[in-house]
């Protein structure tokens, strides 16, 4: 496993195919709801601490995972800002200590909520099965809808005024956006249509 320490709150990890085998994980199976994934991530963070001295154990983090061509993956690890962490502690439902962002569809809406609600309603009618999260950009009026899908499956979004964004937008979202609704945004917003 190779790593680049960007700061004391940001890391980039490069896992080889052999690292993935050793940890018994794959990009398709990574899901923080799985105990196997949590064990593997803890092992990775312990290795990071030993190699670099950066201790992320026990901190609220966001982990973004992108498959590599050679069968491994790249992981971007960011410590969540205290304001988000404090707000989550106040919520009644327990939240995981990390969000694992796999190959996801990232969609940006800039022209209000009406188009976004219509899009979510269309997704619901299509029987959208995955998780969905909504984030507000703290630097502009944009909102980002994150879906469990890849490859532009919902390309009809342009009919609703949204734009598909590439995977690097996930880093921007983790740094500059605040969560509005996590895991069930499509279900909640489609009910408003």
Protein backbone atom coordinates (compact mmCIF):
# COMPACT_ATOMS: atom_id res chain seq x y z
CA UNK A 1 0.00 0.00 0.00
CA UNK A 2 1.34 3.41 -0.99
CA UNK A 3 0.17 6.65 0.52
CA UNK A 4 0.44 10.37 0.02
CA UNK A 5 -0.13 12.49 3.13
CA UNK A 6 -1.76 15.65 1.82
CA UNK A 7 -2.30 17.10 5.30
CA UNK A 8 -3.04 15.82 8.80
CA UNK A 9 -6.68 15.48 7.72
CA UNK A 10 -6.33 14.27 4.10
CA UNK A 11 -4.68 11.20 2.63
CA UNK A 12 -4.50 9.43 -0.69
CA UNK A 13 -3.96 5.67 -0.50
CA UNK A 14 -3.12 3.40 -3.41
CA UNK A 15 -3.92 -0.27 -2.83
CA UNK A 16 -2.68 -2.93 -5.22
CA UNK A 17 -4.61 -6.00 -6.27
CA UNK A 18 -2.58 -7.97 -3.70
CA UNK A 19 -3.45 -5.45 -0.95
CA UNK A 20 -7.14 -5.90 -1.81
CA UNK A 21 -6.76 -9.71 -1.60
CA UNK A 22 -4.90 -9.48 1.72
CA UNK A 23 -7.68 -7.30 3.16
CA UNK A 24 -10.36 -9.50 1.56
CA UNK A 25 -12.15 -6.55 -0.05
CA UNK A 26 -13.06 -5.43 -3.57
CA UNK A 27 -14.29 -2.11 -4.94
CA UNK A 28 -17.69 -3.68 -5.62
CA UNK A 29 -18.09 -5.08 -2.09
CA UNK A 30 -16.94 -2.06 -0.08
CA UNK A 31 -19.87 -0.92 2.04
CA UNK A 32 -19.52 0.55 5.52
CA UNK A 33 -22.65 -1.31 6.63
CA UNK A 34 -20.64 -4.55 6.22
CA UNK A 35 -18.55 -5.70 9.20
CA UNK A 36 -15.90 -7.07 6.78
CA UNK A 37 -15.48 -3.59 5.29
CA UNK A 38 -15.22 -1.97 8.73
CA UNK A 39 -12.54 -4.48 9.76
CA UNK A 40 -10.58 -3.87 6.54
CA UNK A 41 -10.83 -0.07 6.90
CA UNK A 42 -9.68 -0.24 10.52
CA UNK A 43 -6.71 -2.35 9.41
CA UNK A 44 -5.88 0.20 6.70
CA UNK A 45 -6.08 3.11 9.16
CA UNK A 46 -3.85 1.27 11.65
CA UNK A 47 -1.31 0.70 8.86
CA UNK A 48 -1.51 4.40 7.94
CA UNK A 49 -0.82 5.32 11.57
CA UNK A 50 2.21 3.00 11.73
CA UNK A 51 3.68 4.18 8.42
CA UNK A 52 2.99 7.91 8.57
CA UNK A 53 2.09 8.79 12.15
CA UNK A 54 -1.26 10.22 10.99
CA UNK A 55 -3.88 8.89 13.41
CA UNK A 56 -7.40 8.85 11.94
CA UNK A 57 -8.76 6.11 14.21
CA UNK A 58 -11.83 7.29 16.08
CA UNK A 59 -12.27 10.40 13.91
CA UNK A 60 -15.27 11.00 11.66
CA UNK A 61 -14.02 10.52 8.12
CA UNK A 62 -15.21 10.30 4.55
CA UNK A 63 -13.57 7.64 2.39
CA UNK A 64 -13.93 7.78 -1.39
CA UNK A 65 -12.92 4.65 -3.29
CA UNK A 66 -12.10 4.51 -7.00
CA UNK A 67 -11.09 1.27 -8.77
CA UNK A 68 -7.80 1.20 -10.65
CA UNK A 69 -7.16 -0.60 -13.93
CA UNK A 70 -4.74 -3.06 -12.34
CA UNK A 71 -7.37 -4.44 -9.93
CA UNK A 72 -6.51 -2.32 -6.92
CA UNK A 73 -8.03 0.99 -5.91
CA UNK A 74 -7.33 4.55 -4.85
CA UNK A 75 -8.80 5.80 -1.58
CA UNK A 76 -9.16 9.43 -0.66
CA UNK A 77 -9.57 9.85 3.11
CA UNK A 78 -10.80 13.17 4.54
CA UNK A 79 -11.53 14.04 8.16
CA UNK A 80 -15.00 15.59 8.35
CA UNK A 81 -15.13 19.17 9.67
CA UNK A 82 -16.11 19.54 13.32
CA UNK A 83 -19.32 21.44 12.46
CA UNK A 84 -20.62 18.48 10.46
CA UNK A 85 -19.42 16.05 13.10
CA UNK A 86 -21.13 18.03 15.91
CA UNK A 87 -24.38 18.32 13.95
CA UNK A 88 -24.41 14.56 13.36
CA UNK A 89 -23.92 13.85 17.07
CA UNK A 90 -27.11 15.80 17.76
CA UNK A 91 -29.20 13.76 15.34
CA UNK A 92 -31.31 11.06 16.95
CA UNK A 93 -30.43 8.27 14.52
CA UNK A 94 -26.93 6.85 14.80
CA UNK A 95 -24.66 7.60 11.85
CA UNK A 96 -21.66 5.62 10.67
CA UNK A 97 -18.19 6.98 11.44
CA UNK A 98 -17.36 7.00 7.73
CA UNK A 99 -19.10 7.37 4.42
CA UNK A 100 -17.71 5.12 1.74
CA UNK A 101 -18.25 6.67 -1.67
CA UNK A 102 -17.93 4.00 -4.33
CA UNK A 103 -18.43 4.57 -8.05
CA UNK A 104 -21.29 6.99 -7.75
CA UNK A 105 -23.26 9.29 -9.96
CA UNK A 106 -22.81 12.93 -8.99
CA UNK A 107 -25.45 15.34 -10.29
CA UNK A 108 -25.43 19.12 -9.81
CA UNK A 109 -28.54 21.33 -9.75
CA UNK A 110 -28.19 25.11 -9.77
CA UNK A 111 -31.71 26.39 -10.53
CA UNK A 112 -33.66 25.72 -7.37
CA UNK A 113 -35.34 22.68 -5.95
CA UNK A 114 -38.26 22.28 -8.38
CA UNK A 115 -36.19 20.57 -11.07
CA UNK A 116 -34.43 18.40 -8.49
CA UNK A 117 -37.75 17.27 -6.99
CA UNK A 118 -39.08 16.44 -10.46
CA UNK A 119 -35.92 14.43 -11.22
CA UNK A 120 -36.24 12.51 -7.93
CA UNK A 121 -39.88 11.80 -8.72
CA UNK A 122 -38.85 10.38 -12.13
CA UNK A 123 -36.20 8.22 -10.45
CA UNK A 124 -38.76 6.91 -7.97
CA UNK A 125 -41.20 6.03 -10.78
CA UNK A 126 -38.35 4.13 -12.49
CA UNK A 127 -37.88 2.13 -9.30
CA UNK A 128 -34.48 3.57 -8.32
CA UNK A 129 -33.13 0.98 -5.84
CA UNK A 130 -29.99 2.56 -4.37
CA UNK A 131 -28.98 5.02 -1.72
CA UNK A 132 -29.08 8.72 -2.49
CA UNK A 133 -27.71 11.75 -0.66
CA UNK A 134 -28.19 15.47 -1.12
CA UNK A 135 -25.55 18.10 -0.31
CA UNK A 136 -25.68 21.92 -0.32
CA UNK A 137 -22.69 23.85 -1.66
CA UNK A 138 -21.62 26.37 0.99
CA UNK A 139 -19.94 28.54 -1.67
CA UNK A 140 -22.84 28.82 -4.16
CA UNK A 141 -26.52 28.01 -4.61
CA UNK A 142 -25.78 24.58 -6.11
CA UNK A 143 -26.97 21.31 -4.63
CA UNK A 144 -25.49 17.88 -5.40
CA UNK A 145 -27.44 14.65 -5.62
CA UNK A 146 -25.26 11.55 -5.17
CA UNK A 147 -26.64 8.25 -6.48
CA UNK A 148 -25.35 4.67 -6.19
CA UNK A 149 -24.66 4.18 -9.88
CA UNK A 150 -21.97 4.77 -12.42
CA UNK A 151 -21.56 5.35 -16.12
CA UNK A 152 -24.17 8.06 -16.59
CA UNK A 153 -27.11 5.69 -16.30
CA UNK A 154 -29.44 8.62 -15.65
CA UNK A 155 -28.29 10.81 -18.53
CA UNK A 156 -31.82 12.17 -18.96
CA UNK A 157 -31.06 14.46 -16.01
CA UNK A 158 -30.31 17.31 -18.48
CA UNK A 159 -34.05 17.38 -19.18
CA UNK A 160 -34.48 18.47 -15.56
CA UNK A 161 -31.74 21.12 -15.56
CA UNK A 162 -29.11 19.00 -13.82
CA UNK A 163 -25.56 18.24 -14.89
CA UNK A 164 -23.59 15.04 -14.38
CA UNK A 165 -20.22 15.62 -12.71
CA UNK A 166 -17.11 13.46 -12.88
CA UNK A 167 -15.71 11.55 -9.88
CA UNK A 168 -13.29 14.33 -8.73
CA UNK A 169 -16.36 16.39 -7.76
CA UNK A 170 -16.69 14.04 -4.76
CA UNK A 171 -13.59 15.66 -3.22
CA UNK A 172 -15.11 19.13 -3.66
CA UNK A 173 -18.36 17.96 -2.08
CA UNK A 174 -16.59 16.45 0.94
CA UNK A 175 -14.69 19.69 1.52
CA UNK A 176 -17.17 22.46 0.65
CA UNK A 177 -20.67 21.01 0.98
CA UNK A 178 -22.99 20.30 3.89
CA UNK A 179 -25.31 17.28 3.99
CA UNK A 180 -29.01 18.00 3.63
CA UNK A 181 -30.23 14.40 3.51
CA UNK A 182 -28.16 11.22 3.45
CA UNK A 183 -29.07 7.73 2.17
CA UNK A 184 -32.72 8.38 1.19
CA UNK A 185 -32.84 11.77 -0.57
CA UNK A 186 -34.66 10.44 -3.66
CA UNK A 187 -37.41 8.89 -1.54
CA UNK A 188 -37.89 12.02 0.59
CA UNK A 189 -37.73 14.55 -2.29
CA UNK A 190 -39.98 12.51 -4.61
CA UNK A 191 -42.69 12.65 -1.93
CA UNK A 192 -42.71 16.45 -2.34
CA UNK A 193 -43.65 16.26 -6.04
